[in-house]
Amino acid sequence: MMGLVFNRQNIYRLATSKLDRDSDHSSCGLQETMVPGGDYLRLTLVGTAPEVYSRIGAAFNALFEQADHDPDRPLIEFYRREGAVDCLVPVRSSQ
């Protein structure tokens, strides 16, 4: 599962990957979103749920201090498993 944070639009979306078998359930009315590619700076949090989730905001703040944030792409909370979350901040291309 992923949380996508579109700061400019003030939108938070819960997302998951679409599986081949999901095409049989197109009547559910769910929206599809393509996560933009590019470079992301990542910080992985590991701990006991639900305590680890309370550290997500601070993790993003730490990443913002290290990154040239690209505000046109979403922030990503990637929930790897219970008690493990990757926080990803999109960074501008160095090109």
PDB file of N, CA and C in Angstrom:
ATOM      1  N   MET A   1       0.848  -1.179   0.000  1.00  0.00           N
ATOM      2  CA  MET A   1       0.000   0.000   0.000  1.00  0.00           C
ATOM      3  C   MET A   1       0.888   1.235   0.000  1.00  0.00           C
ATOM      4  N   MET A   2       0.357   2.273  -0.604  1.00  0.00           N
ATOM      5  CA  MET A   2       1.064   3.544  -0.657  1.00  0.00           C
ATOM      6  C   MET A   2       0.110   4.672  -0.329  1.00  0.00           C
ATOM      7  N   GLY A   3       0.644   5.687   0.287  1.00  0.00           N
ATOM      8  CA  GLY A   3      -0.057   6.946   0.425  1.00  0.00           C
ATOM      9  C   GLY A   3       0.624   7.928  -0.509  1.00  0.00           C
ATOM     10  N   LEU A   4      -0.139   8.583  -1.375  1.00  0.00           N
ATOM     11  CA  LEU A   4       0.400   9.583  -2.289  1.00  0.00           C
ATOM     12  C   LEU A   4      -0.076  10.944  -1.814  1.00  0.00           C
ATOM     13  N   VAL A   5       0.853  11.852  -1.574  1.00  0.00           N
ATOM     14  CA  VAL A   5       0.526  13.175  -1.068  1.00  0.00           C
ATOM     15  C   VAL A   5       0.826  14.197  -2.165  1.00  0.00           C
ATOM     16  N   PHE A   6      -0.238  14.785  -2.706  1.00  0.00           N
ATOM     17  CA  PHE A   6      -0.113  15.828  -3.719  1.00  0.00           C
ATOM     18  C   PHE A   6      -0.295  17.160  -2.994  1.00  0.00           C
ATOM     19  N   ASN A   7       0.816  17.738  -2.526  1.00  0.00           N
ATOM     20  CA  ASN A   7       0.744  18.931  -1.686  1.00  0.00           C
ATOM     21  C   ASN A   7       0.095  20.117  -2.379  1.00  0.00           C
ATOM     22  N   ARG A   8       0.406  20.331  -3.637  1.00  0.00           N
ATOM     23  CA  ARG A   8      -0.132  21.510  -4.335  1.00  0.00           C
ATOM     24  C   ARG A   8      -1.652  21.471  -4.430  1.00  0.00           C
ATOM     25  N   GLN A   9      -2.218  20.278  -4.548  1.00  0.00           N
ATOM     26  CA  GLN A   9      -3.676  20.148  -4.636  1.00  0.00           C
ATOM     27  C   GLN A   9      -4.308  19.824  -3.286  1.00  0.00           C
ATOM     28  N   ASN A  10      -3.482  19.678  -2.247  1.00  0.00           N
ATOM     29  CA  ASN A  10      -3.968  19.316  -0.916  1.00  0.00           C
ATOM     30  C   ASN A  10      -4.764  18.001  -0.969  1.00  0.00           C
ATOM     31  N   ILE A  11      -4.175  16.990  -1.645  1.00  0.00           N
ATOM     32  CA  ILE A  11      -4.834  15.699  -1.844  1.00  0.00           C
ATOM     33  C   ILE A  11      -3.959  14.589  -1.262  1.00  0.00           C
ATOM     34  N   TYR A  12      -4.599  13.651  -0.560  1.00  0.00           N
ATOM     35  CA  TYR A  12      -3.943  12.434  -0.083  1.00  0.00           C
ATOM     36  C   TYR A  12      -4.716  11.263  -0.658  1.00  0.00           C
ATOM     37  N   ARG A  13      -4.016  10.357  -1.318  1.00  0.00           N
ATOM     38  CA  ARG A  13      -4.668   9.176  -1.891  1.00  0.00           C
ATOM     39  C   ARG A  13      -4.013   7.915  -1.357  1.00  0.00           C
ATOM     40  N   LEU A  14      -4.846   6.965  -0.989  1.00  0.00           N
ATOM     41  CA  LEU A  14      -4.366   5.632  -0.653  1.00  0.00           C
ATOM     42  C   LEU A  14      -4.321   4.858  -1.956  1.00  0.00           C
ATOM     43  N   ALA A  15      -3.223   4.176  -2.214  1.00  0.00           N
ATOM     44  CA  ALA A  15      -3.055   3.515  -3.503  1.00  0.00           C
ATOM     45  C   ALA A  15      -2.455   2.129  -3.325  1.00  0.00           C
ATOM     46  N   THR A  16      -2.669   1.309  -4.336  1.00  0.00           N
ATOM     47  CA  THR A  16      -2.079  -0.015  -4.399  1.00  0.00           C
ATOM     48  C   THR A  16      -1.809  -0.330  -5.858  1.00  0.00           C
ATOM     49  N   SER A  17      -0.954  -1.266  -6.108  1.00  0.00           N
ATOM     50  CA  SER A  17      -0.667  -1.670  -7.486  1.00  0.00           C
ATOM     51  C   SER A  17      -1.846  -2.442  -8.051  1.00  0.00           C
ATOM     52  N   LYS A  18      -2.089  -2.233  -9.323  1.00  0.00           N
ATOM     53  CA  LYS A  18      -3.154  -2.953 -10.015  1.00  0.00           C
ATOM     54  C   LYS A  18      -2.607  -4.293 -10.494  1.00  0.00           C
ATOM     55  N   LEU A  19      -3.338  -5.349 -10.208  1.00  0.00           N
ATOM     56  CA  LEU A  19      -2.966  -6.695 -10.638  1.00  0.00           C
ATOM     57  C   LEU A  19      -3.736  -7.062 -11.895  1.00  0.00           C
ATOM     58  N   ASP A  20      -3.231  -8.012 -12.653  1.00  0.00           N
ATOM     59  CA  ASP A  20      -3.921  -8.456 -13.865  1.00  0.00           C
ATOM     60  C   ASP A  20      -5.345  -8.906 -13.574  1.00  0.00           C
ATOM     61  N   ARG A  21      -5.542  -9.560 -12.452  1.00  0.00           N
ATOM     62  CA  ARG A  21      -6.887 -10.069 -12.123  1.00  0.00           C
ATOM     63  C   ARG A  21      -7.880  -8.953 -11.793  1.00  0.00           C
ATOM     64  N   ASP A  22      -7.387  -7.725 -11.557  1.00  0.00           N
ATOM     65  CA  ASP A  22      -8.260  -6.605 -11.215  1.00  0.00           C
ATOM     66  C   ASP A  22      -9.086  -6.116 -12.395  1.00  0.00           C
ATOM     67  N   SER A  23      -8.706  -6.471 -13.616  1.00  0.00           N
ATOM     68  CA  SER A  23      -9.459  -6.009 -14.784  1.00  0.00           C
ATOM     69  C   SER A  23     -10.887  -6.543 -14.763  1.00  0.00           C
ATOM     70  N   ASP A  24     -11.137  -7.637 -14.061  1.00  0.00           N
ATOM     71  CA  ASP A  24     -12.486  -8.192 -13.945  1.00  0.00           C
ATOM     72  C   ASP A  24     -13.382  -7.352 -13.038  1.00  0.00           C
ATOM     73  N   HIS A  25     -12.803  -6.397 -12.321  1.00  0.00           N
ATOM     74  CA  HIS A  25     -13.555  -5.601 -11.348  1.00  0.00           C
ATOM     75  C   HIS A  25     -13.568  -4.122 -11.721  1.00  0.00           C
ATOM     76  N   SER A  26     -13.676  -3.838 -12.998  1.00  0.00           N
ATOM     77  CA  SER A  26     -13.635  -2.447 -13.440  1.00  0.00           C
ATOM     78  C   SER A  26     -14.864  -1.661 -13.018  1.00  0.00           C
ATOM     79  N   SER A  27     -15.911  -2.338 -12.581  1.00  0.00           N
ATOM     80  CA  SER A  27     -17.134  -1.643 -12.182  1.00  0.00           C
ATOM     81  C   SER A  27     -17.044  -1.039 -10.778  1.00  0.00           C
ATOM     82  N   CYS A  28     -15.929  -1.207 -10.089  1.00  0.00           N
ATOM     83  CA  CYS A  28     -15.785  -0.671  -8.732  1.00  0.00           C
ATOM     84  C   CYS A  28     -15.700   0.851  -8.720  1.00  0.00           C
ATOM     85  N   GLY A  29     -15.390   1.455  -9.852  1.00  0.00           N
ATOM     86  CA  GLY A  29     -15.331   2.911  -9.924  1.00  0.00           C
ATOM     87  C   GLY A  29     -14.089   3.537  -9.314  1.00  0.00           C
ATOM     88  N   LEU A  30     -13.043   2.773  -9.146  1.00  0.00           N
ATOM     89  CA  LEU A  30     -11.819   3.315  -8.580  1.00  0.00           C
ATOM     90  C   LEU A  30     -11.039   4.058  -9.652  1.00  0.00           C
ATOM     91  N   GLN A  31     -10.371   5.137  -9.249  1.00  0.00           N
ATOM     92  CA  GLN A  31      -9.567   5.917 -10.180  1.00  0.00           C
ATOM     93  C   GLN A  31      -8.167   5.322 -10.282  1.00  0.00           C
ATOM     94  N   GLU A  32      -7.596   5.426 -11.476  1.00  0.00           N
ATOM     95  CA  GLU A  32      -6.218   5.000 -11.668  1.00  0.00           C
ATOM     96  C   GLU A  32      -5.318   6.222 -11.709  1.00  0.00           C
ATOM     97  N   THR A  33      -4.160   6.090 -11.087  1.00  0.00           N
ATOM     98  CA  THR A  33      -3.168   7.160 -11.071  1.00  0.00           C
ATOM     99  C   THR A  33      -1.823   6.538 -11.396  1.00  0.00           C
ATOM    100  N   MET A  34      -1.069   7.183 -12.251  1.00  0.00           N
ATOM    101  CA  MET A  34       0.291   6.743 -12.556  1.00  0.00           C
ATOM    102  C   MET A  34       1.233   7.565 -11.683  1.00  0.00           C
ATOM    103  N   VAL A  35       2.056   6.889 -10.903  1.00  0.00           N
ATOM    104  CA  VAL A  35       3.032   7.589 -10.076  1.00  0.00           C
ATOM    105  C   VAL A  35       4.173   8.025 -10.998  1.00  0.00           C
ATOM    106  N   PRO A  36       4.452   9.326 -11.055  1.00  0.00           N
ATOM    107  CA  PRO A  36       5.507   9.807 -11.943  1.00  0.00           C
ATOM    108  C   PRO A  36       6.873   9.239 -11.564  1.00  0.00           C
ATOM    109  N   GLY A  37       7.644   8.904 -12.564  1.00  0.00           N
ATOM    110  CA  GLY A  37       8.983   8.393 -12.338  1.00  0.00           C
ATOM    111  C   GLY A  37       9.945   9.511 -11.976  1.00  0.00           C
ATOM    112  N   GLY A  38      11.194   9.151 -11.837  1.00  0.00           N
ATOM    113  CA  GLY A  38      12.225  10.117 -11.491  1.00  0.00           C
ATOM    114  C   GLY A  38      12.905   9.731 -10.197  1.00  0.00           C
ATOM    115  N   ASP A  39      13.800  10.593  -9.771  1.00  0.00           N
ATOM    116  CA  ASP A  39      14.568  10.324  -8.561  1.00  0.00           C
ATOM    117  C   ASP A  39      13.786  10.720  -7.308  1.00  0.00           C
ATOM    118  N   TYR A  40      13.913   9.883  -6.285  1.00  0.00           N
ATOM    119  CA  TYR A  40      13.301  10.129  -4.983  1.00  0.00           C
ATOM    120  C   TYR A  40      14.355   9.905  -3.915  1.00  0.00           C
ATOM    121  N   LEU A  41      14.314  10.709  -2.869  1.00  0.00           N
ATOM    122  CA  LEU A  41      15.158  10.508  -1.695  1.00  0.00           C
ATOM    123  C   LEU A  41      14.318   9.721  -0.687  1.00  0.00           C
ATOM    124  N   ARG A  42      14.893   8.649  -0.126  1.00  0.00           N
ATOM    125  CA  ARG A  42      14.124   7.741   0.731  1.00  0.00           C
ATOM    126  C   ARG A  42      14.698   7.670   2.134  1.00  0.00           C
ATOM    127  N   LEU A  43      13.784   7.597   3.108  1.00  0.00           N
ATOM    128  CA  LEU A  43      14.135   7.328   4.497  1.00  0.00           C
ATOM    129  C   LEU A  43      13.207   6.207   4.947  1.00  0.00           C
ATOM    130  N   THR A  44      13.774   5.128   5.467  1.00  0.00           N
ATOM    131  CA  THR A  44      12.975   3.983   5.901  1.00  0.00           C
ATOM    132  C   THR A  44      12.808   4.019   7.419  1.00  0.00           C
ATOM    133  N   LEU A  45      11.568   3.938   7.851  1.00  0.00           N
ATOM    134  CA  LEU A  45      11.241   3.868   9.278  1.00  0.00           C
ATOM    135  C   LEU A  45      10.911   2.425   9.635  1.00  0.00           C
ATOM    136  N   VAL A  46      11.458   1.941  10.729  1.00  0.00           N
ATOM    137  CA  VAL A  46      11.165   0.593  11.206  1.00  0.00           C
ATOM    138  C   VAL A  46      10.883   0.686  12.696  1.00  0.00           C
ATOM    139  N   GLY A  47       9.848   0.024  13.131  1.00  0.00           N
ATOM    140  CA  GLY A  47       9.484   0.035  14.542  1.00  0.00           C
ATOM    141  C   GLY A  47       8.224  -0.760  14.768  1.00  0.00           C
ATOM    142  N   THR A  48       7.629  -0.535  15.891  1.00  0.00           N
ATOM    143  CA  THR A  48       6.402  -1.235  16.255  1.00  0.00           C
ATOM    144  C   THR A  48       5.206  -0.382  15.856  1.00  0.00           C
ATOM    145  N   ALA A  49       4.254  -1.023  15.184  1.00  0.00           N
ATOM    146  CA  ALA A  49       3.012  -0.320  14.841  1.00  0.00           C
ATOM    147  C   ALA A  49       2.178  -0.203  16.117  1.00  0.00           C
ATOM    148  N   PRO A  50       1.514   0.890  16.352  1.00  0.00           N
ATOM    149  CA  PRO A  50       1.356   2.059  15.496  1.00  0.00           C
ATOM    150  C   PRO A  50       2.384   3.169  15.757  1.00  0.00           C
ATOM    151  N   GLU A  51       3.316   2.956  16.686  1.00  0.00           N
ATOM    152  CA  GLU A  51       4.267   4.019  17.036  1.00  0.00           C
ATOM    153  C   GLU A  51       5.059   4.502  15.835  1.00  0.00           C
ATOM    154  N   VAL A  52       5.493   3.593  14.979  1.00  0.00           N
ATOM    155  CA  VAL A  52       6.322   3.970  13.837  1.00  0.00           C
ATOM    156  C   VAL A  52       5.601   4.961  12.920  1.00  0.00           C
ATOM    157  N   TYR A  53       4.292   4.853  12.830  1.00  0.00           N
ATOM    158  CA  TYR A  53       3.529   5.731  11.943  1.00  0.00           C
ATOM    159  C   TYR A  53       3.511   7.177  12.450  1.00  0.00           C
ATOM    160  N   SER A  54       3.698   7.373  13.735  1.00  0.00           N
ATOM    161  CA  SER A  54       3.719   8.728  14.283  1.00  0.00           C
ATOM    162  C   SER A  54       4.996   9.483  13.908  1.00  0.00           C
ATOM    163  N   ARG A  55       5.983   8.780  13.347  1.00  0.00           N
ATOM    164  CA  ARG A  55       7.256   9.410  12.973  1.00  0.00           C
ATOM    165  C   ARG A  55       7.308   9.814  11.494  1.00  0.00           C
ATOM    166  N   ILE A  56       6.242   9.568  10.753  1.00  0.00           N
ATOM    167  CA  ILE A  56       6.248   9.850   9.321  1.00  0.00           C
ATOM    168  C   ILE A  56       6.448  11.340   9.038  1.00  0.00           C
ATOM    169  N   GLY A  57       5.738  12.208   9.732  1.00  0.00           N
ATOM    170  CA  GLY A  57       5.870  13.646   9.506  1.00  0.00           C
ATOM    171  C   GLY A  57       7.289  14.137   9.723  1.00  0.00           C
ATOM    172  N   ALA A  58       7.925  13.691  10.806  1.00  0.00           N
ATOM    173  CA  ALA A  58       9.303  14.087  11.097  1.00  0.00           C
ATOM    174  C   ALA A  58      10.269  13.543  10.041  1.00  0.00           C
ATOM    175  N   ALA A  59       9.976  12.357   9.526  1.00  0.00           N
ATOM    176  CA  ALA A  59      10.826  11.777   8.479  1.00  0.00           C
ATOM    177  C   ALA A  59      10.778  12.638   7.222  1.00  0.00           C
ATOM    178  N   PHE A  60       9.594  13.074   6.835  1.00  0.00           N
ATOM    179  CA  PHE A  60       9.491  13.937   5.662  1.00  0.00           C
ATOM    180  C   PHE A  60      10.194  15.272   5.900  1.00  0.00           C
ATOM    181  N   ASN A  61      10.081  15.826   7.084  1.00  0.00           N
ATOM    182  CA  ASN A  61      10.783  17.076   7.395  1.00  0.00           C
ATOM    183  C   ASN A  61      12.295  16.901   7.245  1.00  0.00           C
ATOM    184  N   ALA A  62      12.829  15.782   7.709  1.00  0.00           N
ATOM    185  CA  ALA A  62      14.262  15.512   7.582  1.00  0.00           C
ATOM    186  C   ALA A  62      14.660  15.375   6.111  1.00  0.00           C
ATOM    187  N   LEU A  63      13.816  14.731   5.318  1.00  0.00           N
ATOM    188  CA  LEU A  63      14.115  14.589   3.890  1.00  0.00           C
ATOM    189  C   LEU A  63      14.088  15.933   3.175  1.00  0.00           C
ATOM    190  N   PHE A  64      13.134  16.795   3.528  1.00  0.00           N
ATOM    191  CA  PHE A  64      13.059  18.121   2.906  1.00  0.00           C
ATOM    192  C   PHE A  64      14.335  18.923   3.151  1.00  0.00           C
ATOM    193  N   GLU A  65      14.967  18.724   4.308  1.00  0.00           N
ATOM    194  CA  GLU A  65      16.207  19.435   4.620  1.00  0.00           C
ATOM    195  C   GLU A  65      17.368  18.962   3.746  1.00  0.00           C
ATOM    196  N   GLN A  66      17.277  17.740   3.222  1.00  0.00           N
ATOM    197  CA  GLN A  66      18.357  17.155   2.426  1.00  0.00           C
ATOM    198  C   GLN A  66      18.121  17.238   0.919  1.00  0.00           C
ATOM    199  N   ALA A  67      16.888  17.504   0.503  1.00  0.00           N
ATOM    200  CA  ALA A  67      16.529  17.358  -0.905  1.00  0.00           C
ATOM    201  C   ALA A  67      16.143  18.673  -1.553  1.00  0.00           C
ATOM    202  N   ASP A  68      16.393  18.747  -2.858  1.00  0.00           N
ATOM    203  CA  ASP A  68      15.844  19.816  -3.685  1.00  0.00           C
ATOM    204  C   ASP A  68      14.500  19.275  -4.183  1.00  0.00           C
ATOM    205  N   HIS A  69      13.489  19.455  -3.366  1.00  0.00           N
ATOM    206  CA  HIS A  69      12.168  18.862  -3.556  1.00  0.00           C
ATOM    207  C   HIS A  69      11.523  19.300  -4.870  1.00  0.00           C
ATOM    208  N   ASP A  70      10.964  18.342  -5.600  1.00  0.00           N
ATOM    209  CA  ASP A  70      10.206  18.616  -6.822  1.00  0.00           C
ATOM    210  C   ASP A  70       8.723  18.646  -6.448  1.00  0.00           C
ATOM    211  N   PRO A  71       8.116  19.819  -6.304  1.00  0.00           N
ATOM    212  CA  PRO A  71       6.726  19.910  -5.841  1.00  0.00           C
ATOM    213  C   PRO A  71       5.693  19.463  -6.873  1.00  0.00           C
ATOM    214  N   ASP A  72       6.119  19.175  -8.103  1.00  0.00           N
ATOM    215  CA  ASP A  72       5.183  18.737  -9.136  1.00  0.00           C
ATOM    216  C   ASP A  72       4.884  17.247  -9.065  1.00  0.00           C
ATOM    217  N   ARG A  73       5.626  16.515  -8.222  1.00  0.00           N
ATOM    218  CA  ARG A  73       5.391  15.075  -8.050  1.00  0.00           C
ATOM    219  C   ARG A  73       4.986  14.802  -6.603  1.00  0.00           C
ATOM    220  N   PRO A  74       4.260  13.713  -6.386  1.00  0.00           N
ATOM    221  CA  PRO A  74       3.765  13.445  -5.029  1.00  0.00           C
ATOM    222  C   PRO A  74       4.841  12.913  -4.090  1.00  0.00           C
ATOM    223  N   LEU A  75       4.643  13.190  -2.811  1.00  0.00           N
ATOM    224  CA  LEU A  75       5.388  12.506  -1.757  1.00  0.00           C
ATOM    225  C   LEU A  75       4.793  11.108  -1.679  1.00  0.00           C
ATOM    226  N   ILE A  76       5.599  10.135  -1.271  1.00  0.00           N
ATOM    227  CA  ILE A  76       5.098   8.758  -1.199  1.00  0.00           C
ATOM    228  C   ILE A  76       5.380   8.180   0.177  1.00  0.00           C
ATOM    229  N   GLU A  77       4.351   7.587   0.771  1.00  0.00           N
ATOM    230  CA  GLU A  77       4.494   6.749   1.960  1.00  0.00           C
ATOM    231  C   GLU A  77       4.290   5.327   1.456  1.00  0.00           C
ATOM    232  N   PHE A  78       5.331   4.516   1.474  1.00  0.00           N
ATOM    233  CA  PHE A  78       5.226   3.142   0.988  1.00  0.00           C
ATOM    234  C   PHE A  78       5.232   2.213   2.192  1.00  0.00           C
ATOM    235  N   TYR A  79       4.104   1.572   2.439  1.00  0.00           N
ATOM    236  CA  TYR A  79       3.938   0.690   3.597  1.00  0.00           C
ATOM    237  C   TYR A  79       4.419  -0.706   3.211  1.00  0.00           C
ATOM    238  N   ARG A  80       5.663  -1.021   3.583  1.00  0.00           N
ATOM    239  CA  ARG A  80       6.301  -2.275   3.198  1.00  0.00           C
ATOM    240  C   ARG A  80       5.675  -3.480   3.916  1.00  0.00           C
ATOM    241  N   ARG A  81       5.431  -3.298   5.174  1.00  0.00           N
ATOM    242  CA  ARG A  81       4.799  -4.322   6.023  1.00  0.00           C
ATOM    243  C   ARG A  81       4.463  -3.626   7.339  1.00  0.00           C
ATOM    244  N   GLU A  82       3.802  -4.298   8.232  1.00  0.00           N
ATOM    245  CA  GLU A  82       3.473  -3.672   9.518  1.00  0.00           C
ATOM    246  C   GLU A  82       4.764  -3.265  10.223  1.00  0.00           C
ATOM    247  N   GLY A  83       4.839  -1.988  10.573  1.00  0.00           N
ATOM    248  CA  GLY A  83       5.998  -1.480  11.285  1.00  0.00           C
ATOM    249  C   GLY A  83       7.154  -1.041  10.407  1.00  0.00           C
ATOM    250  N   ALA A  84       6.972  -1.010   9.078  1.00  0.00           N
ATOM    251  CA  ALA A  84       8.037  -0.564   8.171  1.00  0.00           C
ATOM    252  C   ALA A  84       7.443   0.312   7.075  1.00  0.00           C
ATOM    253  N   VAL A  85       7.926   1.553   7.011  1.00  0.00           N
ATOM    254  CA  VAL A  85       7.418   2.519   6.044  1.00  0.00           C
ATOM    255  C   VAL A  85       8.590   3.221   5.372  1.00  0.00           C
ATOM    256  N   ASP A  86       8.555   3.276   4.035  1.00  0.00           N
ATOM    257  CA  ASP A  86       9.507   4.097   3.292  1.00  0.00           C
ATOM    258  C   ASP A  86       8.857   5.443   3.047  1.00  0.00           C
ATOM    259  N   CYS A  87       9.548   6.521   3.391  1.00  0.00           N
ATOM    260  CA  CYS A  87       9.090   7.880   3.105  1.00  0.00           C
ATOM    261  C   CYS A  87       9.949   8.374   1.945  1.00  0.00           C
ATOM    262  N   LEU A  88       9.304   8.785   0.853  1.00  0.00           N
ATOM    263  CA  LEU A  88      10.015   9.194  -0.343  1.00  0.00           C
ATOM    264  C   LEU A  88       9.640  10.611  -0.762  1.00  0.00           C
ATOM    265  N   VAL A  89      10.664  11.434  -0.989  1.00  0.00           N
ATOM    266  CA  VAL A  89      10.463  12.807  -1.448  1.00  0.00           C
ATOM    267  C   VAL A  89      11.040  12.891  -2.862  1.00  0.00           C
ATOM    268  N   PRO A  90      10.236  13.351  -3.822  1.00  0.00           N
ATOM    269  CA  PRO A  90      10.758  13.493  -5.178  1.00  0.00           C
ATOM    270  C   PRO A  90      11.761  14.642  -5.240  1.00  0.00           C
ATOM    271  N   VAL A  91      12.853  14.403  -5.935  1.00  0.00           N
ATOM    272  CA  VAL A  91      13.885  15.438  -6.054  1.00  0.00           C
ATOM    273  C   VAL A  91      14.011  15.864  -7.509  1.00  0.00           C
ATOM    274  N   ARG A  92      14.387  17.120  -7.683  1.00  0.00           N
ATOM    275  CA  ARG A  92      14.578  17.656  -9.029  1.00  0.00           C
ATOM    276  C   ARG A  92      15.763  16.958  -9.695  1.00  0.00           C
ATOM    277  N   SER A  93      15.662  16.805 -10.982  1.00  0.00           N
ATOM    278  CA  SER A  93      16.732  16.199 -11.752  1.00  0.00           C
ATOM    279  C   SER A  93      17.954  17.119 -11.716  1.00  0.00           C
ATOM    280  N   SER A  94      19.130  16.535 -11.640  1.00  0.00           N
ATOM    281  CA  SER A  94      20.362  17.319 -11.595  1.00  0.00           C
ATOM    282  C   SER A  94      20.854  17.680 -12.991  1.00  0.00           C
ATOM    283  N   GLN A  95      20.078  17.351 -14.018  1.00  0.00           N
ATOM    284  CA  GLN A  95      20.477  17.641 -15.402  1.00  0.00           C
ATOM    285  C   GLN A  95      20.283  19.085 -15.748  1.00  0.00           C
TER     286      GLN A  95
END
